[in-house]
């Protein structure tokens, strides 16, 4: 289980890097993050696109549309 968590953490850290942030369209970034998680065999998660000020306590794994929106990760 710890290895699975480490893989998730690594994928999320990579996905949240500044390379993904700038002006990338949200759907494109969400698809890239999902592909990375799927490649690591991560299952049972959801990625949601929310307004930046609505992310709350959710785990933010990406920023898009110039920081106006965030992509959040939630384990099902």
Protein backbone atom coordinates (compact mmCIF):
# COMPACT_ATOMS: atom_id res chain seq x y z
CA UNK A 1 0.00 0.00 0.00
CA UNK A 2 2.86 2.38 0.80
CA UNK A 3 4.34 1.76 -2.64
CA UNK A 4 0.98 2.52 -4.25
CA UNK A 5 0.76 5.77 -2.27
CA UNK A 6 4.32 6.69 -3.30
CA UNK A 7 3.45 6.16 -6.96
CA UNK A 8 0.35 8.34 -6.62
CA UNK A 9 2.32 11.05 -4.83
CA UNK A 10 5.04 11.01 -7.49
CA UNK A 11 2.53 11.20 -10.33
CA UNK A 12 0.64 14.03 -8.69
CA UNK A 13 3.82 15.97 -7.96
CA UNK A 14 4.89 15.65 -11.57
CA UNK A 15 1.46 16.66 -12.83
CA UNK A 16 1.41 19.75 -10.65
CA UNK A 17 4.74 21.00 -11.94
CA UNK A 18 4.93 24.47 -13.52
CA UNK A 19 5.32 22.90 -16.95
CA UNK A 20 1.63 22.08 -16.81
CA UNK A 21 0.43 25.34 -15.28
CA UNK A 22 0.51 28.35 -17.61
CA UNK A 23 -2.22 28.73 -20.18
CA UNK A 24 -2.93 25.11 -21.00
CA UNK A 25 -6.60 24.27 -21.62
CA UNK A 26 -8.10 22.45 -18.63
CA UNK A 27 -9.44 19.44 -20.52
CA UNK A 28 -6.04 18.86 -22.13
CA UNK A 29 -4.23 19.06 -18.79
CA UNK A 30 -6.81 16.83 -17.10
CA UNK A 31 -6.31 14.20 -19.83
CA UNK A 32 -2.52 14.34 -19.39
CA UNK A 33 -2.78 13.92 -15.62
CA UNK A 34 -5.23 11.03 -16.03
CA UNK A 35 -2.89 9.36 -18.52
CA UNK A 36 0.01 9.59 -16.07
CA UNK A 37 -2.08 8.15 -13.24
CA UNK A 38 -3.40 5.38 -15.47
CA UNK A 39 0.16 4.55 -16.58
CA UNK A 40 1.01 4.06 -12.90
CA UNK A 41 -2.01 1.74 -12.56
CA UNK A 42 -3.77 4.15 -10.20
CA UNK A 43 -7.47 3.35 -10.00
CA UNK A 44 -10.48 4.63 -8.14
CA UNK A 45 -9.91 8.36 -8.48
CA UNK A 46 -11.67 11.38 -9.92
CA UNK A 47 -10.21 14.53 -11.39
CA UNK A 48 -12.41 17.63 -11.31
CA UNK A 49 -11.95 21.06 -12.87
CA UNK A 50 -13.00 23.80 -10.45
CA UNK A 51 -12.64 27.56 -10.19
CA UNK A 52 -9.39 28.41 -8.40
CA UNK A 53 -11.22 29.91 -5.43
CA UNK A 54 -13.47 26.84 -5.09
CA UNK A 55 -10.73 24.22 -4.60
CA UNK A 56 -11.05 24.39 -0.81
CA UNK A 57 -9.25 21.56 0.98
CA UNK A 58 -9.15 19.33 -2.10
CA UNK A 59 -5.82 17.98 -3.35
CA UNK A 60 -4.87 20.29 -6.24
CA UNK A 61 -2.88 18.45 -8.91
CA UNK A 62 -2.88 21.04 -11.68
CA UNK A 63 -3.62 24.61 -12.64
CA UNK A 64 -4.95 25.72 -15.99
CA UNK A 65 -6.36 28.65 -17.92
CA UNK A 66 -3.70 30.94 -16.50
CA UNK A 67 -4.43 29.92 -12.91
CA UNK A 68 -8.16 30.68 -13.12
CA UNK A 69 -9.02 26.98 -12.71
CA UNK A 70 -7.59 24.10 -10.70
CA UNK A 71 -7.71 20.37 -11.24
CA UNK A 72 -8.40 18.44 -8.07
CA UNK A 73 -7.76 14.78 -7.26
CA UNK A 74 -10.02 12.70 -5.09
CA UNK A 75 -9.77 9.03 -4.23
CA UNK A 76 -13.13 7.25 -4.62
